Amino acid sequence: LTAAQEADAIFAAFAGKVGTSPDDPAVQALVKQWQDHISAHHYPCSKQILASLGEMYVADERFTANLDRFGPGTAQLMSDAIRTFCQA
């Protein structure tokens, strides 16, 4: 898989979990997978950076629209799940 295909697969997995609690272990595992993906393909992604990204996913409508193309609520779930993950 290319980095973009891998990212899309992670987004699709989050979309499939919309309606699940952000602190669900499967959702939290996806957050870790997303953090690892960013670190592997883009830049070292600390919890601080990840937390900022999570906020941006819902604060910036362009990010929200991009993520929600995988399913409505994807951006919100990612944001909520990232917040939970980064507080742990």
Protein backbone atom coordinates (compact mmCIF):
# COMPACT_ATOMS: atom_id res chain seq x y z
CA LEU A 1 0.00 0.00 0.00
CA THR A 2 1.06 3.57 -0.62
CA ALA A 3 1.04 5.97 2.32
CA ALA A 4 -2.15 7.55 0.92
CA GLN A 5 -3.87 4.16 0.58
CA GLU A 6 -2.83 3.26 4.12
CA ALA A 7 -4.22 6.57 5.42
CA ASP A 8 -7.50 6.00 3.56
CA ALA A 9 -7.77 2.53 5.09
CA ILE A 10 -7.34 4.01 8.58
CA PHE A 11 -9.96 6.70 7.86
CA ALA A 12 -12.35 4.05 6.54
CA ALA A 13 -11.80 2.01 9.71
CA PHE A 14 -12.66 5.06 11.83
CA ALA A 15 -15.77 5.63 9.68
CA GLY A 16 -16.82 2.07 10.42
CA LYS A 17 -16.63 2.84 14.15
CA VAL A 18 -18.83 5.97 14.10
CA GLY A 19 -21.34 5.51 16.90
CA THR A 20 -18.77 3.67 19.02
CA SER A 21 -17.40 5.30 22.17
CA PRO A 22 -14.14 7.22 21.58
CA ASP A 23 -12.56 5.30 24.48
CA ASP A 24 -13.45 1.90 23.00
CA PRO A 25 -10.23 -0.18 22.80
CA ALA A 26 -10.68 -0.77 19.05
CA VAL A 27 -11.08 2.97 18.43
CA GLN A 28 -8.07 3.76 20.62
CA ALA A 29 -6.04 1.19 18.66
CA LEU A 30 -6.93 3.09 15.47
CA VAL A 31 -5.65 6.31 17.03
CA LYS A 32 -2.33 4.61 17.78
CA GLN A 33 -2.25 3.25 14.22
CA TRP A 34 -2.88 6.77 12.87
CA GLN A 35 -0.14 8.26 15.09
CA ASP A 36 2.29 5.57 13.92
CA HIS A 37 1.31 6.18 10.28
CA ILE A 38 2.02 9.92 10.58
CA SER A 39 5.36 9.23 12.26
CA ALA A 40 6.36 6.66 9.62
CA HIS A 41 5.36 8.68 6.56
CA HIS A 42 5.41 12.37 7.46
CA TYR A 43 7.06 13.58 10.70
CA PRO A 44 7.53 12.44 14.31
CA CYS A 45 4.02 12.66 15.74
CA SER A 46 4.07 13.27 19.49
CA LYS A 47 0.90 13.20 21.58
CA GLN A 48 1.03 17.02 21.63
CA ILE A 49 1.09 17.19 17.82
CA LEU A 50 -1.58 14.49 17.56
CA ALA A 51 -3.83 16.39 20.00
CA SER A 52 -3.52 19.53 17.84
CA LEU A 53 -4.36 17.56 14.71
CA GLY A 54 -7.42 16.11 16.42
CA GLU A 55 -8.67 19.60 17.24
CA MET A 56 -8.05 20.74 13.68
CA TYR A 57 -10.10 17.84 12.25
CA VAL A 58 -13.27 19.47 13.64
CA ALA A 59 -12.21 23.15 13.82
CA ASP A 60 -11.33 23.42 10.12
CA GLU A 61 -14.21 22.55 7.82
CA ARG A 62 -11.79 21.46 5.08
CA PHE A 63 -10.40 18.72 7.33
CA THR A 64 -13.90 17.76 8.48
CA ALA A 65 -15.13 17.48 4.88
CA ASN A 66 -12.10 15.42 3.85
CA LEU A 67 -12.53 12.94 6.71
CA ASP A 68 -16.32 12.81 6.54
CA ARG A 69 -16.17 11.67 2.90
CA PHE A 70 -15.49 8.27 4.48
CA GLY A 71 -18.75 8.59 6.43
CA PRO A 72 -20.54 11.32 8.38
CA GLY A 73 -19.11 11.69 11.88
CA THR A 74 -15.65 10.34 11.03
CA ALA A 75 -13.87 13.62 11.83
CA GLN A 76 -15.74 14.03 15.12
CA LEU A 77 -14.95 10.47 16.21
CA MET A 78 -11.29 10.88 15.31
CA SER A 79 -11.12 14.17 17.21
CA ASP A 80 -12.83 12.76 20.31
CA ALA A 81 -10.80 9.55 20.23
CA ILE A 82 -7.53 11.45 19.80
CA ARG A 83 -8.42 13.68 22.78
CA THR A 84 -9.02 10.57 24.91
CA PHE A 85 -5.81 8.92 23.67
CA CYS A 86 -3.67 11.99 24.38
CA GLN A 87 -5.03 12.41 27.91
CA ALA A 88 -4.07 8.84 28.81
